[in-house]
Amino acid sequence: MTARVKIFAGACGFTSVIRVTRIDKKHVKVKIISACKMLQKLNDDLDFLDWRQDIFCNIRDSLVYRSADKHLMHTDCPVPSAIVKVIQIELDGMVPMDVNMKFEKINEDDI
């Protein structure tokens, strides 16, 4: 079985697909398909990871976020969070539900 998520990142204009496949009881394989060169670089780091140590831990210890820190220039990229979530879905630790962020500018009087 494989879990997949499609991310429409926003202002950068890139759409990415993340596929996660469980390899065995402890490991998953993450594959990022994107035209973004920075995201493509995460593939080498995330090709084979131990989800117990690399995902279910403090955010700064997560292999996903350490790789993002090494390769991504933009802290607002939603892809690292999507990677963690789709890994959880592949492990049956989370139901596949969409996440939605809606951004808008409003007048202070409208708050």
C-alpha atoms as a PDB file:
ATOM      1  CA  MET A   1       0.000   0.000   0.000  1.00  0.00           C
ATOM      2  CA  THR A   2       1.117   3.587  -0.595  1.00  0.00           C
ATOM      3  CA  ALA A   3      -0.206   6.877   0.753  1.00  0.00           C
ATOM      4  CA  ARG A   4      -0.089  10.013  -1.355  1.00  0.00           C
ATOM      5  CA  VAL A   5      -0.665  13.725  -0.905  1.00  0.00           C
ATOM      6  CA  LYS A   6      -0.770  16.503  -3.490  1.00  0.00           C
ATOM      7  CA  ILE A   7       0.337  19.958  -2.314  1.00  0.00           C
ATOM      8  CA  PHE A   8      -0.476  23.209  -4.074  1.00  0.00           C
ATOM      9  CA  ALA A   9       2.133  25.293  -2.277  1.00  0.00           C
ATOM     10  CA  GLY A  10       0.811  28.743  -3.104  1.00  0.00           C
ATOM     11  CA  ALA A  11       2.858  31.752  -4.171  1.00  0.00           C
ATOM     12  CA  CYS A  12       5.840  29.717  -5.413  1.00  0.00           C
ATOM     13  CA  GLY A  13       3.543  28.138  -7.993  1.00  0.00           C
ATOM     14  CA  PHE A  14       4.829  24.595  -7.474  1.00  0.00           C
ATOM     15  CA  THR A  15       2.575  21.592  -7.113  1.00  0.00           C
ATOM     16  CA  SER A  16       4.208  18.596  -5.473  1.00  0.00           C
ATOM     17  CA  VAL A  17       3.191  14.997  -4.929  1.00  0.00           C
ATOM     18  CA  ILE A  18       4.537  13.044  -1.965  1.00  0.00           C
ATOM     19  CA  ARG A  19       4.284   9.242  -1.976  1.00  0.00           C
ATOM     20  CA  VAL A  20       5.060   7.191   1.109  1.00  0.00           C
ATOM     21  CA  THR A  21       5.422   3.423   1.117  1.00  0.00           C
ATOM     22  CA  ARG A  22       5.868   1.308   4.209  1.00  0.00           C
ATOM     23  CA  ILE A  23       8.881  -0.963   3.684  1.00  0.00           C
ATOM     24  CA  ASP A  24       8.693  -2.984   6.904  1.00  0.00           C
ATOM     25  CA  LYS A  25       7.616  -2.589  10.544  1.00  0.00           C
ATOM     26  CA  LYS A  26      10.099   0.233  11.190  1.00  0.00           C
ATOM     27  CA  HIS A  27      10.800   1.904   7.868  1.00  0.00           C
ATOM     28  CA  VAL A  28       9.124   3.964   5.166  1.00  0.00           C
ATOM     29  CA  LYS A  29      10.254   5.303   1.818  1.00  0.00           C
ATOM     30  CA  VAL A  30       9.352   8.880   0.869  1.00  0.00           C
ATOM     31  CA  LYS A  31       9.305  10.013  -2.759  1.00  0.00           C
ATOM     32  CA  ILE A  32       8.831  13.687  -3.646  1.00  0.00           C
ATOM     33  CA  ILE A  33       7.744  14.538  -7.183  1.00  0.00           C
ATOM     34  CA  SER A  34       8.083  18.245  -7.805  1.00  0.00           C
ATOM     35  CA  ALA A  35       9.527  20.751 -10.249  1.00  0.00           C
ATOM     36  CA  CYS A  36      11.023  22.535  -7.207  1.00  0.00           C
ATOM     37  CA  LYS A  37      14.765  21.759  -7.214  1.00  0.00           C
ATOM     38  CA  MET A  38      15.011  22.342  -3.453  1.00  0.00           C
ATOM     39  CA  LEU A  39      12.289  19.782  -2.701  1.00  0.00           C
ATOM     40  CA  GLN A  40      13.895  17.265  -5.042  1.00  0.00           C
ATOM     41  CA  LYS A  41      17.014  17.358  -2.840  1.00  0.00           C
ATOM     42  CA  LEU A  42      15.019  16.004   0.125  1.00  0.00           C
ATOM     43  CA  ASN A  43      14.572  12.693  -1.721  1.00  0.00           C
ATOM     44  CA  ASP A  44      18.070  11.445  -0.892  1.00  0.00           C
ATOM     45  CA  ASP A  45      17.610  12.119   2.825  1.00  0.00           C
ATOM     46  CA  LEU A  46      14.112  10.609   3.013  1.00  0.00           C
ATOM     47  CA  ASP A  47      14.547   7.572   0.773  1.00  0.00           C
ATOM     48  CA  PHE A  48      14.685   5.210   3.766  1.00  0.00           C
ATOM     49  CA  LEU A  49      13.757   6.356   7.246  1.00  0.00           C
ATOM     50  CA  ASP A  50      12.933   4.842  10.591  1.00  0.00           C
ATOM     51  CA  TRP A  51       9.582   6.422  11.409  1.00  0.00           C
ATOM     52  CA  ARG A  52       9.932   5.679  15.134  1.00  0.00           C
ATOM     53  CA  GLN A  53      13.047   7.829  15.444  1.00  0.00           C
ATOM     54  CA  ASP A  54      12.670  10.238  12.537  1.00  0.00           C
ATOM     55  CA  ILE A  55       8.992  11.206  12.691  1.00  0.00           C
ATOM     56  CA  PHE A  56       7.514  10.721  16.148  1.00  0.00           C
ATOM     57  CA  CYS A  57       9.937  13.020  17.927  1.00  0.00           C
ATOM     58  CA  ASN A  58      10.560  16.669  18.687  1.00  0.00           C
ATOM     59  CA  ILE A  59      10.218  18.813  15.539  1.00  0.00           C
ATOM     60  CA  ARG A  60      13.890  19.849  15.596  1.00  0.00           C
ATOM     61  CA  ASP A  61      14.924  16.163  15.762  1.00  0.00           C
ATOM     62  CA  SER A  62      12.700  15.081  12.876  1.00  0.00           C
ATOM     63  CA  LEU A  63      14.642  13.899   9.843  1.00  0.00           C
ATOM     64  CA  VAL A  64      12.034  15.575   7.638  1.00  0.00           C
ATOM     65  CA  TYR A  65      12.602  18.989   9.220  1.00  0.00           C
ATOM     66  CA  ARG A  66      16.394  18.561   9.420  1.00  0.00           C
ATOM     67  CA  SER A  67      16.415  17.809   5.693  1.00  0.00           C
ATOM     68  CA  ALA A  68      14.143  20.785   5.029  1.00  0.00           C
ATOM     69  CA  ASP A  69      16.495  22.982   7.060  1.00  0.00           C
ATOM     70  CA  LYS A  70      19.404  21.795   4.923  1.00  0.00           C
ATOM     71  CA  HIS A  71      17.740  22.140   1.505  1.00  0.00           C
ATOM     72  CA  LEU A  72      14.839  24.616   1.606  1.00  0.00           C
ATOM     73  CA  MET A  73      15.236  28.388   1.485  1.00  0.00           C
ATOM     74  CA  HIS A  74      11.670  29.205   2.467  1.00  0.00           C
ATOM     75  CA  THR A  75      10.442  28.593   6.009  1.00  0.00           C
ATOM     76  CA  ASP A  76       6.834  28.924   4.864  1.00  0.00           C
ATOM     77  CA  CYS A  77       6.952  25.844   2.626  1.00  0.00           C
ATOM     78  CA  PRO A  78       4.029  23.550   3.591  1.00  0.00           C
ATOM     79  CA  VAL A  79       5.633  20.413   2.151  1.00  0.00           C
ATOM     80  CA  PRO A  80       7.556  19.236   5.268  1.00  0.00           C
ATOM     81  CA  SER A  81       4.357  19.198   7.296  1.00  0.00           C
ATOM     82  CA  ALA A  82       2.579  17.338   4.499  1.00  0.00           C
ATOM     83  CA  ILE A  83       5.370  14.731   4.462  1.00  0.00           C
ATOM     84  CA  VAL A  84       4.935  14.052   8.184  1.00  0.00           C
ATOM     85  CA  LYS A  85       1.163  13.804   7.814  1.00  0.00           C
ATOM     86  CA  VAL A  86       1.248  11.434   4.834  1.00  0.00           C
ATOM     87  CA  ILE A  87       3.736   9.194   6.672  1.00  0.00           C
ATOM     88  CA  GLN A  88       1.263   9.010   9.554  1.00  0.00           C
ATOM     89  CA  ILE A  89      -1.493   8.095   7.103  1.00  0.00           C
ATOM     90  CA  GLU A  90       0.629   5.330   5.551  1.00  0.00           C
ATOM     91  CA  LEU A  91       1.228   3.952   9.064  1.00  0.00           C
ATOM     92  CA  ASP A  92      -2.522   4.023   9.830  1.00  0.00           C
ATOM     93  CA  GLY A  93      -1.840   6.504  12.617  1.00  0.00           C
ATOM     94  CA  MET A  94      -4.036   9.183  11.093  1.00  0.00           C
ATOM     95  CA  VAL A  95      -7.077   9.193   8.829  1.00  0.00           C
ATOM     96  CA  PRO A  96      -6.607  10.793   5.417  1.00  0.00           C
ATOM     97  CA  MET A  97      -8.250  14.177   5.873  1.00  0.00           C
ATOM     98  CA  ASP A  98      -7.423  17.350   3.974  1.00  0.00           C
ATOM     99  CA  VAL A  99      -5.774  20.272   5.707  1.00  0.00           C
ATOM    100  CA  ASN A 100      -6.864  23.702   4.577  1.00  0.00           C
ATOM    101  CA  MET A 101      -5.357  27.135   5.208  1.00  0.00           C
ATOM    102  CA  LYS A 102      -7.199  30.156   3.925  1.00  0.00           C
ATOM    103  CA  PHE A 103      -5.291  33.414   3.861  1.00  0.00           C
ATOM    104  CA  GLU A 104      -6.768  36.873   3.509  1.00  0.00           C
ATOM    105  CA  LYS A 105      -5.988  40.461   4.305  1.00  0.00           C
ATOM    106  CA  ILE A 106      -8.606  42.258   6.363  1.00  0.00           C
ATOM    107  CA  ASN A 107      -9.053  45.705   7.831  1.00  0.00           C
ATOM    108  CA  GLU A 108      -8.332  46.032  11.550  1.00  0.00           C
ATOM    109  CA  ASP A 109     -11.937  47.131  12.019  1.00  0.00           C
ATOM    110  CA  ASP A 110     -13.092  43.696  10.767  1.00  0.00           C
ATOM    111  CA  ILE A 111     -11.313  41.755  13.503  1.00  0.00           C
END
